[in-house]
């Protein structure tokens, strides 16, 4: 009596592993857009904080230079200052699929899928 696995048993194990990997890939692709959106929001909020601090410390500060120094995560392609007064700031993802904007007048941050 041999104590080795049969070919059928090995094929069943490989099939189960393939199914689990497929499920993991699907779950990953569902969570990635949420992670990108959260990363954009974080970068946008951090840059807003830096802009507010710069305006309070020096009312004549060059806000485009402040935005240029804002740190970006690996998912953020650009932070664009669209207006200085009131501040309007937009963050765009590397994939170009998500864009988040801040408007100082309303204080609202909104994200859209492009």
PDB file of N, CA and C in Angstrom:
ATOM      1  N   UNK A   1       0.833  -1.171   0.000  1.00  0.00           N
ATOM      2  CA  UNK A   1       0.000   0.000   0.000  1.00  0.00           C
ATOM      3  C   UNK A   1       0.888   1.248   0.000  1.00  0.00           C
ATOM      4  N   UNK A   2       0.733   2.089  -1.010  1.00  0.00           N
ATOM      5  CA  UNK A   2       1.534   3.297  -1.160  1.00  0.00           C
ATOM      6  C   UNK A   2       0.875   4.451  -0.405  1.00  0.00           C
ATOM      7  N   UNK A   3       1.714   5.312   0.175  1.00  0.00           N
ATOM      8  CA  UNK A   3       1.193   6.453   0.931  1.00  0.00           C
ATOM      9  C   UNK A   3       1.311   7.756   0.133  1.00  0.00           C
ATOM     10  N   UNK A   4       1.459   7.673  -1.161  1.00  0.00           N
ATOM     11  CA  UNK A   4       1.580   8.853  -2.015  1.00  0.00           C
ATOM     12  C   UNK A   4       0.195   9.325  -2.448  1.00  0.00           C
ATOM     13  N   UNK A   5       0.143  10.578  -2.905  1.00  0.00           N
ATOM     14  CA  UNK A   5      -1.113  11.120  -3.421  1.00  0.00           C
ATOM     15  C   UNK A   5      -1.344  10.609  -4.834  1.00  0.00           C
ATOM     16  N   UNK A   6      -2.592  10.420  -5.182  1.00  0.00           N
ATOM     17  CA  UNK A   6      -2.912  10.014  -6.547  1.00  0.00           C
ATOM     18  C   UNK A   6      -3.018  11.255  -7.415  1.00  0.00           C
ATOM     19  N   UNK A   7      -3.000  11.044  -8.715  1.00  0.00           N
ATOM     20  CA  UNK A   7      -3.095  12.153  -9.653  1.00  0.00           C
ATOM     21  C   UNK A   7      -4.423  12.897  -9.492  1.00  0.00           C
ATOM     22  N   UNK A   8      -5.485  12.197  -9.248  1.00  0.00           N
ATOM     23  CA  UNK A   8      -6.800  12.811  -9.063  1.00  0.00           C
ATOM     24  C   UNK A   8      -6.798  13.711  -7.826  1.00  0.00           C
ATOM     25  N   UNK A   9      -6.213  13.258  -6.745  1.00  0.00           N
ATOM     26  CA  UNK A   9      -6.149  14.068  -5.519  1.00  0.00           C
ATOM     27  C   UNK A   9      -5.342  15.345  -5.754  1.00  0.00           C
ATOM     28  N   UNK A  10      -4.237  15.237  -6.463  1.00  0.00           N
ATOM     29  CA  UNK A  10      -3.420  16.415  -6.756  1.00  0.00           C
ATOM     30  C   UNK A  10      -4.173  17.400  -7.654  1.00  0.00           C
ATOM     31  N   UNK A  11      -4.905  16.884  -8.642  1.00  0.00           N
ATOM     32  CA  UNK A  11      -5.687  17.756  -9.517  1.00  0.00           C
ATOM     33  C   UNK A  11      -6.793  18.472  -8.749  1.00  0.00           C
ATOM     34  N   UNK A  12      -7.412  17.798  -7.807  1.00  0.00           N
ATOM     35  CA  UNK A  12      -8.455  18.424  -6.985  1.00  0.00           C
ATOM     36  C   UNK A  12      -7.864  19.550  -6.140  1.00  0.00           C
ATOM     37  N   UNK A  13      -6.706  19.316  -5.552  1.00  0.00           N
ATOM     38  CA  UNK A  13      -6.044  20.347  -4.741  1.00  0.00           C
ATOM     39  C   UNK A  13      -5.681  21.547  -5.611  1.00  0.00           C
ATOM     40  N   UNK A  14      -5.151  21.299  -6.808  1.00  0.00           N
ATOM     41  CA  UNK A  14      -4.789  22.392  -7.713  1.00  0.00           C
ATOM     42  C   UNK A  14      -6.033  23.175  -8.124  1.00  0.00           C
ATOM     43  N   UNK A  15      -7.135  22.484  -8.384  1.00  0.00           N
ATOM     44  CA  UNK A  15      -8.384  23.159  -8.755  1.00  0.00           C
ATOM     45  C   UNK A  15      -8.894  24.033  -7.614  1.00  0.00           C
ATOM     46  N   UNK A  16      -8.819  23.548  -6.396  1.00  0.00           N
ATOM     47  CA  UNK A  16      -9.259  24.332  -5.231  1.00  0.00           C
ATOM     48  C   UNK A  16      -8.394  25.575  -5.066  1.00  0.00           C
ATOM     49  N   UNK A  17      -7.088  25.413  -5.220  1.00  0.00           N
ATOM     50  CA  UNK A  17      -6.178  26.559  -5.110  1.00  0.00           C
ATOM     51  C   UNK A  17      -6.478  27.576  -6.208  1.00  0.00           C
ATOM     52  N   UNK A  18      -6.741  27.115  -7.426  1.00  0.00           N
ATOM     53  CA  UNK A  18      -7.057  28.023  -8.535  1.00  0.00           C
ATOM     54  C   UNK A  18      -8.337  28.804  -8.251  1.00  0.00           C
ATOM     55  N   UNK A  19      -9.331  28.159  -7.687  1.00  0.00           N
ATOM     56  CA  UNK A  19     -10.585  28.839  -7.342  1.00  0.00           C
ATOM     57  C   UNK A  19     -10.340  29.906  -6.277  1.00  0.00           C
ATOM     58  N   UNK A  20      -9.552  29.582  -5.267  1.00  0.00           N
ATOM     59  CA  UNK A  20      -9.251  30.554  -4.207  1.00  0.00           C
ATOM     60  C   UNK A  20      -8.469  31.748  -4.748  1.00  0.00           C
ATOM     61  N   UNK A  21      -7.514  31.494  -5.637  1.00  0.00           N
ATOM     62  CA  UNK A  21      -6.744  32.584  -6.238  1.00  0.00           C
ATOM     63  C   UNK A  21      -7.666  33.475  -7.072  1.00  0.00           C
ATOM     64  N   UNK A  22      -8.568  32.868  -7.821  1.00  0.00           N
ATOM     65  CA  UNK A  22      -9.522  33.643  -8.613  1.00  0.00           C
ATOM     66  C   UNK A  22     -10.388  34.535  -7.744  1.00  0.00           C
ATOM     67  N   UNK A  23     -10.840  34.013  -6.626  1.00  0.00           N
ATOM     68  CA  UNK A  23     -11.657  34.804  -5.702  1.00  0.00           C
ATOM     69  C   UNK A  23     -10.847  35.948  -5.104  1.00  0.00           C
ATOM     70  N   UNK A  24      -9.584  35.694  -4.796  1.00  0.00           N
ATOM     71  CA  UNK A  24      -8.727  36.732  -4.221  1.00  0.00           C
ATOM     72  C   UNK A  24      -8.481  37.852  -5.227  1.00  0.00           C
ATOM     73  N   UNK A  25      -8.281  37.499  -6.485  1.00  0.00           N
ATOM     74  CA  UNK A  25      -8.048  38.515  -7.513  1.00  0.00           C
ATOM     75  C   UNK A  25      -9.289  39.380  -7.699  1.00  0.00           C
ATOM     76  N   UNK A  26     -10.450  38.771  -7.709  1.00  0.00           N
ATOM     77  CA  UNK A  26     -11.700  39.529  -7.848  1.00  0.00           C
ATOM     78  C   UNK A  26     -11.872  40.484  -6.668  1.00  0.00           C
ATOM     79  N   UNK A  27     -11.610  40.006  -5.464  1.00  0.00           N
ATOM     80  CA  UNK A  27     -11.730  40.864  -4.278  1.00  0.00           C
ATOM     81  C   UNK A  27     -10.739  42.022  -4.340  1.00  0.00           C
ATOM     82  N   UNK A  28      -9.520  41.752  -4.804  1.00  0.00           N
ATOM     83  CA  UNK A  28      -8.498  42.788  -4.916  1.00  0.00           C
ATOM     84  C   UNK A  28      -8.957  43.891  -5.868  1.00  0.00           C
ATOM     85  N   UNK A  29      -9.514  43.506  -7.000  1.00  0.00           N
ATOM     86  CA  UNK A  29      -9.958  44.492  -7.983  1.00  0.00           C
ATOM     87  C   UNK A  29     -11.170  45.281  -7.505  1.00  0.00           C
ATOM     88  N   UNK A  30     -11.921  44.761  -6.550  1.00  0.00           N
ATOM     89  CA  UNK A  30     -13.037  45.512  -5.987  1.00  0.00           C
ATOM     90  C   UNK A  30     -12.554  46.527  -4.952  1.00  0.00           C
ATOM     91  N   UNK A  31     -11.490  46.213  -4.232  1.00  0.00           N
ATOM     92  CA  UNK A  31     -11.002  47.100  -3.176  1.00  0.00           C
ATOM     93  C   UNK A  31     -10.017  48.144  -3.676  1.00  0.00           C
ATOM     94  N   UNK A  32      -9.366  47.905  -4.799  1.00  0.00           N
ATOM     95  CA  UNK A  32      -8.370  48.843  -5.300  1.00  0.00           C
ATOM     96  C   UNK A  32      -8.950  50.233  -5.588  1.00  0.00           C
ATOM     97  N   UNK A  33     -10.086  50.367  -6.282  1.00  0.00           N
ATOM     98  CA  UNK A  33     -10.635  51.720  -6.495  1.00  0.00           C
ATOM     99  C   UNK A  33     -10.962  52.448  -5.189  1.00  0.00           C
ATOM    100  N   UNK A  34     -11.425  51.723  -4.189  1.00  0.00           N
ATOM    101  CA  UNK A  34     -11.710  52.349  -2.890  1.00  0.00           C
ATOM    102  C   UNK A  34     -10.420  52.847  -2.246  1.00  0.00           C
ATOM    103  N   UNK A  35      -9.355  52.075  -2.383  1.00  0.00           N
ATOM    104  CA  UNK A  35      -8.062  52.476  -1.822  1.00  0.00           C
ATOM    105  C   UNK A  35      -7.515  53.702  -2.546  1.00  0.00           C
ATOM    106  N   UNK A  36      -7.680  53.744  -3.861  1.00  0.00           N
ATOM    107  CA  UNK A  36      -7.214  54.894  -4.636  1.00  0.00           C
ATOM    108  C   UNK A  36      -7.978  56.148  -4.227  1.00  0.00           C
ATOM    109  N   UNK A  37      -9.292  56.034  -4.091  1.00  0.00           N
ATOM    110  CA  UNK A  37     -10.116  57.177  -3.682  1.00  0.00           C
ATOM    111  C   UNK A  37      -9.705  57.667  -2.287  1.00  0.00           C
ATOM    112  N   UNK A  38      -9.480  56.742  -1.364  1.00  0.00           N
ATOM    113  CA  UNK A  38      -9.069  57.117  -0.008  1.00  0.00           C
ATOM    114  C   UNK A  38      -7.702  57.801  -0.022  1.00  0.00           C
ATOM    115  N   UNK A  39      -6.809  57.322  -0.868  1.00  0.00           N
ATOM    116  CA  UNK A  39      -5.485  57.918  -0.980  1.00  0.00           C
ATOM    117  C   UNK A  39      -5.571  59.340  -1.541  1.00  0.00           C
ATOM    118  N   UNK A  40      -6.403  59.529  -2.564  1.00  0.00           N
ATOM    119  CA  UNK A  40      -6.594  60.874  -3.122  1.00  0.00           C
ATOM    120  C   UNK A  40      -7.165  61.831  -2.080  1.00  0.00           C
ATOM    121  N   UNK A  41      -8.169  61.369  -1.349  1.00  0.00           N
ATOM    122  CA  UNK A  41      -8.774  62.211  -0.313  1.00  0.00           C
ATOM    123  C   UNK A  41      -7.751  62.596   0.745  1.00  0.00           C
ATOM    124  N   UNK A  42      -6.926  61.646   1.138  1.00  0.00           N
ATOM    125  CA  UNK A  42      -5.898  61.918   2.139  1.00  0.00           C
ATOM    126  C   UNK A  42      -4.898  62.955   1.627  1.00  0.00           C
ATOM    127  N   UNK A  43      -4.426  62.775   0.389  1.00  0.00           N
ATOM    128  CA  UNK A  43      -3.477  63.732  -0.186  1.00  0.00           C
ATOM    129  C   UNK A  43      -4.102  65.119  -0.316  1.00  0.00           C
ATOM    130  N   UNK A  44      -5.366  65.156  -0.728  1.00  0.00           N
ATOM    131  CA  UNK A  44      -6.060  66.431  -0.884  1.00  0.00           C
ATOM    132  C   UNK A  44      -6.217  67.133   0.464  1.00  0.00           C
ATOM    133  N   UNK A  45      -6.624  66.402   1.479  1.00  0.00           N
ATOM    134  CA  UNK A  45      -6.788  67.002   2.817  1.00  0.00           C
ATOM    135  C   UNK A  45      -5.451  67.491   3.379  1.00  0.00           C
ATOM    136  N   UNK A  46      -4.382  66.708   3.169  1.00  0.00           N
ATOM    137  CA  UNK A  46      -3.061  67.135   3.641  1.00  0.00           C
ATOM    138  C   UNK A  46      -2.626  68.426   2.957  1.00  0.00           C
ATOM    139  N   UNK A  47      -2.866  68.515   1.662  1.00  0.00           N
ATOM    140  CA  UNK A  47      -2.472  69.714   0.925  1.00  0.00           C
ATOM    141  C   UNK A  47      -3.330  70.915   1.338  1.00  0.00           C
ATOM    142  N   UNK A  48      -4.602  70.681   1.592  1.00  0.00           N
ATOM    143  CA  UNK A  48      -5.478  71.762   2.074  1.00  0.00           C
ATOM    144  C   UNK A  48      -4.941  72.304   3.397  1.00  0.00           C
ATOM    145  N   UNK A  49      -4.536  71.408   4.283  1.00  0.00           N
ATOM    146  CA  UNK A  49      -3.974  71.838   5.576  1.00  0.00           C
ATOM    147  C   UNK A  49      -2.730  72.681   5.368  1.00  0.00           C
ATOM    148  N   UNK A  50      -1.860  72.261   4.450  1.00  0.00           N
ATOM    149  CA  UNK A  50      -0.644  73.030   4.187  1.00  0.00           C
ATOM    150  C   UNK A  50      -0.968  74.403   3.598  1.00  0.00           C
ATOM    151  N   UNK A  51      -1.977  74.458   2.734  1.00  0.00           N
ATOM    152  CA  UNK A  51      -2.375  75.744   2.155  1.00  0.00           C
ATOM    153  C   UNK A  51      -2.934  76.685   3.216  1.00  0.00           C
ATOM    154  N   UNK A  52      -3.770  76.171   4.088  1.00  0.00           N
ATOM    155  CA  UNK A  52      -4.362  76.992   5.152  1.00  0.00           C
ATOM    156  C   UNK A  52      -3.270  77.518   6.082  1.00  0.00           C
ATOM    157  N   UNK A  53      -2.341  76.657   6.453  1.00  0.00           N
ATOM    158  CA  UNK A  53      -1.236  77.077   7.329  1.00  0.00           C
ATOM    159  C   UNK A  53      -0.389  78.137   6.638  1.00  0.00           C
ATOM    160  N   UNK A  54      -0.084  77.933   5.356  1.00  0.00           N
ATOM    161  CA  UNK A  54       0.736  78.895   4.616  1.00  0.00           C
ATOM    162  C   UNK A  54       0.038  80.255   4.532  1.00  0.00           C
ATOM    163  N   UNK A  55      -1.283  80.260   4.305  1.00  0.00           N
ATOM    164  CA  UNK A  55      -2.025  81.528   4.237  1.00  0.00           C
ATOM    165  C   UNK A  55      -2.062  82.233   5.588  1.00  0.00           C
ATOM    166  N   UNK A  56      -2.155  81.457   6.672  1.00  0.00           N
ATOM    167  CA  UNK A  56      -2.202  82.064   8.003  1.00  0.00           C
ATOM    168  C   UNK A  56      -0.844  82.621   8.403  1.00  0.00           C
ATOM    169  N   UNK A  57       0.221  81.906   8.066  1.00  0.00           N
ATOM    170  CA  UNK A  57       1.562  82.360   8.437  1.00  0.00           C
ATOM    171  C   UNK A  57       2.021  83.537   7.582  1.00  0.00           C
ATOM    172  N   UNK A  58       1.662  83.509   6.302  1.00  0.00           N
ATOM    173  CA  UNK A  58       2.084  84.565   5.390  1.00  0.00           C
ATOM    174  C   UNK A  58       0.974  84.796   4.363  1.00  0.00           C
ATOM    175  N   UNK A  59       0.187  85.852   4.529  1.00  0.00           N
ATOM    176  CA  UNK A  59      -0.914  86.112   3.593  1.00  0.00           C
ATOM    177  C   UNK A  59      -0.455  86.296   2.143  1.00  0.00           C
ATOM    178  N   UNK A  60       0.824  86.620   1.948  1.00  0.00           N
ATOM    179  CA  UNK A  60       1.358  86.819   0.596  1.00  0.00           C
ATOM    180  C   UNK A  60       2.087  85.581   0.073  1.00  0.00           C
ATOM    181  N   UNK A  61       1.910  84.456   0.716  1.00  0.00           N
ATOM    182  CA  UNK A  61       2.608  83.229   0.304  1.00  0.00           C
ATOM    183  C   UNK A  61       2.184  82.816  -1.099  1.00  0.00           C
ATOM    184  N   UNK A  62       3.118  82.244  -1.817  1.00  0.00           N
ATOM    185  CA  UNK A  62       2.840  81.739  -3.163  1.00  0.00           C
ATOM    186  C   UNK A  62       2.187  80.362  -3.035  1.00  0.00           C
ATOM    187  N   UNK A  63       0.865  80.325  -3.153  1.00  0.00           N
ATOM    188  CA  UNK A  63       0.136  79.070  -2.971  1.00  0.00           C
ATOM    189  C   UNK A  63       0.472  78.015  -4.022  1.00  0.00           C
ATOM    190  N   UNK A  64       0.741  78.385  -5.291  1.00  0.00           N
ATOM    191  CA  UNK A  64       1.152  77.345  -6.240  1.00  0.00           C
ATOM    192  C   UNK A  64       2.442  76.635  -5.819  1.00  0.00           C
ATOM    193  N   UNK A  65       3.360  77.377  -5.189  1.00  0.00           N
ATOM    194  CA  UNK A  65       4.588  76.742  -4.701  1.00  0.00           C
ATOM    195  C   UNK A  65       4.298  75.812  -3.529  1.00  0.00           C
ATOM    196  N   UNK A  66       3.344  76.191  -2.694  1.00  0.00           N
ATOM    197  CA  UNK A  66       2.954  75.329  -1.571  1.00  0.00           C
ATOM    198  C   UNK A  66       2.367  74.032  -2.109  1.00  0.00           C
ATOM    199  N   UNK A  67       1.508  74.139  -3.118  1.00  0.00           N
ATOM    200  CA  UNK A  67       0.898  72.943  -3.717  1.00  0.00           C
ATOM    201  C   UNK A  67       1.972  72.062  -4.352  1.00  0.00           C
ATOM    202  N   UNK A  68       2.961  72.683  -4.983  1.00  0.00           N
ATOM    203  CA  UNK A  68       4.040  71.908  -5.614  1.00  0.00           C
ATOM    204  C   UNK A  68       4.820  71.097  -4.585  1.00  0.00           C
ATOM    205  N   UNK A  69       4.880  71.584  -3.345  1.00  0.00           N
ATOM    206  CA  UNK A  69       5.612  70.869  -2.289  1.00  0.00           C
ATOM    207  C   UNK A  69       4.747  69.858  -1.541  1.00  0.00           C
ATOM    208  N   UNK A  70       3.453  69.828  -1.820  1.00  0.00           N
ATOM    209  CA  UNK A  70       2.562  68.897  -1.117  1.00  0.00           C
ATOM    210  C   UNK A  70       2.959  67.455  -1.431  1.00  0.00           C
ATOM    211  N   UNK A  71       3.048  66.618  -0.403  1.00  0.00           N
ATOM    212  CA  UNK A  71       3.398  65.214  -0.652  1.00  0.00           C
ATOM    213  C   UNK A  71       2.256  64.479  -1.352  1.00  0.00           C
ATOM    214  N   UNK A  72       2.640  63.546  -2.227  1.00  0.00           N
ATOM    215  CA  UNK A  72       1.650  62.752  -2.953  1.00  0.00           C
ATOM    216  C   UNK A  72       1.950  61.271  -2.744  1.00  0.00           C
ATOM    217  N   UNK A  73       0.887  60.489  -2.680  1.00  0.00           N
ATOM    218  CA  UNK A  73       1.047  59.041  -2.573  1.00  0.00           C
ATOM    219  C   UNK A  73       1.288  58.464  -3.964  1.00  0.00           C
ATOM    220  N   UNK A  74       1.513  57.159  -4.010  1.00  0.00           N
ATOM    221  CA  UNK A  74       1.807  56.529  -5.299  1.00  0.00           C
ATOM    222  C   UNK A  74       0.593  56.492  -6.225  1.00  0.00           C
ATOM    223  N   UNK A  75      -0.601  56.724  -5.703  1.00  0.00           N
ATOM    224  CA  UNK A  75      -1.807  56.700  -6.531  1.00  0.00           C
ATOM    225  C   UNK A  75      -2.208  58.081  -7.039  1.00  0.00           C
ATOM    226  N   UNK A  76      -1.578  59.138  -6.540  1.00  0.00           N
ATOM    227  CA  UNK A  76      -1.939  60.501  -6.925  1.00  0.00           C
ATOM    228  C   UNK A  76      -1.006  60.997  -8.013  1.00  0.00           C
ATOM    229  N   UNK A  77      -1.589  61.339  -9.166  1.00  0.00           N
ATOM    230  CA  UNK A  77      -0.785  61.840 -10.271  1.00  0.00           C
ATOM    231  C   UNK A  77      -0.494  63.320 -10.099  1.00  0.00           C
ATOM    232  N   UNK A  78      -1.542  64.086  -9.769  1.00  0.00           N
ATOM    233  CA  UNK A  78      -1.332  65.524  -9.675  1.00  0.00           C
ATOM    234  C   UNK A  78      -2.257  66.164  -8.654  1.00  0.00           C
ATOM    235  N   UNK A  79      -1.751  67.255  -8.085  1.00  0.00           N
ATOM    236  CA  UNK A  79      -2.538  68.160  -7.251  1.00  0.00           C
ATOM    237  C   UNK A  79      -2.507  69.498  -7.979  1.00  0.00           C
ATOM    238  N   UNK A  80      -3.674  69.987  -8.383  1.00  0.00           N
ATOM    239  CA  UNK A  80      -3.744  71.190  -9.203  1.00  0.00           C
ATOM    240  C   UNK A  80      -4.518  72.280  -8.468  1.00  0.00           C
ATOM    241  N   UNK A  81      -3.881  73.436  -8.328  1.00  0.00           N
ATOM    242  CA  UNK A  81      -4.533  74.600  -7.729  1.00  0.00           C
ATOM    243  C   UNK A  81      -5.247  75.348  -8.847  1.00  0.00           C
ATOM    244  N   UNK A  82      -6.568  75.278  -8.861  1.00  0.00           N
ATOM    245  CA  UNK A  82      -7.346  75.893  -9.939  1.00  0.00           C
ATOM    246  C   UNK A  82      -7.681  77.349  -9.650  1.00  0.00           C
ATOM    247  N   UNK A  83      -7.757  77.708  -8.368  1.00  0.00           N
ATOM    248  CA  UNK A  83      -8.083  79.078  -7.987  1.00  0.00           C
ATOM    249  C   UNK A  83      -7.426  79.373  -6.640  1.00  0.00           C
ATOM    250  N   UNK A  84      -6.911  80.592  -6.496  1.00  0.00           N
ATOM    251  CA  UNK A  84      -6.239  80.973  -5.256  1.00  0.00           C
ATOM    252  C   UNK A  84      -7.215  81.572  -4.254  1.00  0.00           C
ATOM    253  N   UNK A  85      -8.161  82.382  -4.734  1.00  0.00           N
ATOM    254  CA  UNK A  85      -9.119  83.007  -3.831  1.00  0.00           C
ATOM    255  C   UNK A  85     -10.506  82.973  -4.450  1.00  0.00           C
ATOM    256  N   UNK A  86     -11.365  82.138  -4.018  1.00  0.00           N
ATOM    257  CA  UNK A  86     -11.217  81.120  -2.984  1.00  0.00           C
ATOM    258  C   UNK A  86     -10.397  79.935  -3.508  1.00  0.00           C
ATOM    259  N   UNK A  87      -9.826  79.193  -2.575  1.00  0.00           N
ATOM    260  CA  UNK A  87      -8.988  78.055  -2.958  1.00  0.00           C
ATOM    261  C   UNK A  87      -9.854  76.966  -3.583  1.00  0.00           C
ATOM    262  N   UNK A  88      -9.434  76.533  -4.763  1.00  0.00           N
ATOM    263  CA  UNK A  88     -10.041  75.372  -5.423  1.00  0.00           C
ATOM    264  C   UNK A  88      -8.892  74.456  -5.814  1.00  0.00           C
ATOM    265  N   UNK A  89      -8.908  73.253  -5.270  1.00  0.00           N
ATOM    266  CA  UNK A  89      -7.805  72.314  -5.445  1.00  0.00           C
ATOM    267  C   UNK A  89      -8.348  70.989  -5.954  1.00  0.00           C
ATOM    268  N   UNK A  90      -7.651  70.383  -6.917  1.00  0.00           N
ATOM    269  CA  UNK A  90      -8.088  69.114  -7.491  1.00  0.00           C
ATOM    270  C   UNK A  90      -6.951  68.102  -7.437  1.00  0.00           C
ATOM    271  N   UNK A  91      -7.293  66.880  -7.048  1.00  0.00           N
ATOM    272  CA  UNK A  91      -6.342  65.763  -7.053  1.00  0.00           C
ATOM    273  C   UNK A  91      -6.825  64.740  -8.072  1.00  0.00           C
ATOM    274  N   UNK A  92      -5.903  64.258  -8.910  1.00  0.00           N
ATOM    275  CA  UNK A  92      -6.245  63.280  -9.939  1.00  0.00           C
ATOM    276  C   UNK A  92      -5.406  62.027  -9.739  1.00  0.00           C
ATOM    277  N   UNK A  93      -6.046  60.873  -9.920  1.00  0.00           N
ATOM    278  CA  UNK A  93      -5.334  59.608  -9.720  1.00  0.00           C
ATOM    279  C   UNK A  93      -4.435  59.297 -10.909  1.00  0.00           C
ATOM    280  N   UNK A  94      -3.441  58.441 -10.669  1.00  0.00           N
ATOM    281  CA  UNK A  94      -2.509  58.022 -11.722  1.00  0.00           C
ATOM    282  C   UNK A  94      -3.265  57.353 -12.862  1.00  0.00           C
ATOM    283  N   UNK A  95      -4.242  56.546 -12.517  1.00  0.00           N
ATOM    284  CA  UNK A  95      -5.011  55.841 -13.546  1.00  0.00           C
ATOM    285  C   UNK A  95      -5.927  56.795 -14.303  1.00  0.00           C
ATOM    286  N   UNK A  96      -6.157  57.979 -13.754  1.00  0.00           N
ATOM    287  CA  UNK A  96      -7.037  58.947 -14.389  1.00  0.00           C
ATOM    288  C   UNK A  96      -8.508  58.613 -14.235  1.00  0.00           C
ATOM    289  N   UNK A  97      -8.821  57.640 -13.405  1.00  0.00           N
ATOM    290  CA  UNK A  97     -10.204  57.202 -13.247  1.00  0.00           C
ATOM    291  C   UNK A  97     -10.956  57.968 -12.165  1.00  0.00           C
ATOM    292  N   UNK A  98     -10.221  58.580 -11.228  1.00  0.00           N
ATOM    293  CA  UNK A  98     -10.859  59.270 -10.105  1.00  0.00           C
ATOM    294  C   UNK A  98     -10.263  60.669  -9.974  1.00  0.00           C
ATOM    295  N   UNK A  99     -11.129  61.628  -9.681  1.00  0.00           N
ATOM    296  CA  UNK A  99     -10.696  62.997  -9.440  1.00  0.00           C
ATOM    297  C   UNK A  99     -11.458  63.524  -8.228  1.00  0.00           C
ATOM    298  N   UNK A 100     -10.728  64.121  -7.286  1.00  0.00           N
ATOM    299  CA  UNK A 100     -11.343  64.703  -6.090  1.00  0.00           C
ATOM    300  C   UNK A 100     -11.051  66.200  -6.070  1.00  0.00           C
ATOM    301  N   UNK A 101     -12.056  66.984  -5.696  1.00  0.00           N
ATOM    302  CA  UNK A 101     -11.915  68.440  -5.699  1.00  0.00           C
ATOM    303  C   UNK A 101     -12.334  69.036  -4.362  1.00  0.00           C
ATOM    304  N   UNK A 102     -11.688  70.152  -4.030  1.00  0.00           N
ATOM    305  CA  UNK A 102     -12.011  70.907  -2.817  1.00  0.00           C
ATOM    306  C   UNK A 102     -12.360  72.325  -3.229  1.00  0.00           C
ATOM    307  N   UNK A 103     -13.417  72.867  -2.631  1.00  0.00           N
ATOM    308  CA  UNK A 103     -13.835  74.241  -2.867  1.00  0.00           C
ATOM    309  C   UNK A 103     -13.887  74.944  -1.516  1.00  0.00           C
ATOM    310  N   UNK A 104     -13.050  75.970  -1.342  1.00  0.00           N
ATOM    311  CA  UNK A 104     -12.967  76.669  -0.057  1.00  0.00           C
ATOM    312  C   UNK A 104     -14.275  77.373   0.294  1.00  0.00           C
ATOM    313  N   UNK A 105     -15.014  77.842  -0.693  1.00  0.00           N
ATOM    314  CA  UNK A 105     -16.259  78.563  -0.435  1.00  0.00           C
ATOM    315  C   UNK A 105     -17.263  77.693   0.309  1.00  0.00           C
ATOM    316  N   UNK A 106     -17.454  76.484  -0.187  1.00  0.00           N
ATOM    317  CA  UNK A 106     -18.420  75.573   0.446  1.00  0.00           C
ATOM    318  C   UNK A 106     -17.762  74.682   1.493  1.00  0.00           C
ATOM    319  N   UNK A 107     -16.443  74.542   1.405  1.00  0.00           N
ATOM    320  CA  UNK A 107     -15.732  73.645   2.316  1.00  0.00           C
ATOM    321  C   UNK A 107     -15.924  72.180   1.967  1.00  0.00           C
ATOM    322  N   UNK A 108     -16.509  71.936   0.801  1.00  0.00           N
ATOM    323  CA  UNK A 108     -16.839  70.558   0.413  1.00  0.00           C
ATOM    324  C   UNK A 108     -15.718  69.920  -0.397  1.00  0.00           C
ATOM    325  N   UNK A 109     -15.549  68.630  -0.162  1.00  0.00           N
ATOM    326  CA  UNK A 109     -14.650  67.808  -0.967  1.00  0.00           C
ATOM    327  C   UNK A 109     -15.521  66.782  -1.670  1.00  0.00           C
ATOM    328  N   UNK A 110     -15.375  66.716  -2.987  1.00  0.00           N
ATOM    329  CA  UNK A 110     -16.175  65.754  -3.746  1.00  0.00           C
ATOM    330  C   UNK A 110     -15.277  64.957  -4.676  1.00  0.00           C
ATOM    331  N   UNK A 111     -15.651  63.708  -4.903  1.00  0.00           N
ATOM    332  CA  UNK A 111     -14.909  62.832  -5.808  1.00  0.00           C
ATOM    333  C   UNK A 111     -15.835  62.355  -6.911  1.00  0.00           C
ATOM    334  N   UNK A 112     -15.278  62.247  -8.108  1.00  0.00           N
ATOM    335  CA  UNK A 112     -16.040  61.706  -9.228  1.00  0.00           C
ATOM    336  C   UNK A 112     -15.192  60.666  -9.949  1.00  0.00           C
ATOM    337  N   UNK A 113     -15.873  59.690 -10.531  1.00  0.00           N
ATOM    338  CA  UNK A 113     -15.210  58.712 -11.382  1.00  0.00           C
ATOM    339  C   UNK A 113     -15.226  59.266 -12.795  1.00  0.00           C
ATOM    340  N   UNK A 114     -14.057  59.327 -13.389  1.00  0.00           N
ATOM    341  CA  UNK A 114     -13.932  59.907 -14.732  1.00  0.00           C
ATOM    342  C   UNK A 114     -14.165  58.831 -15.775  1.00  0.00           C
TER     343      UNK A 114
END
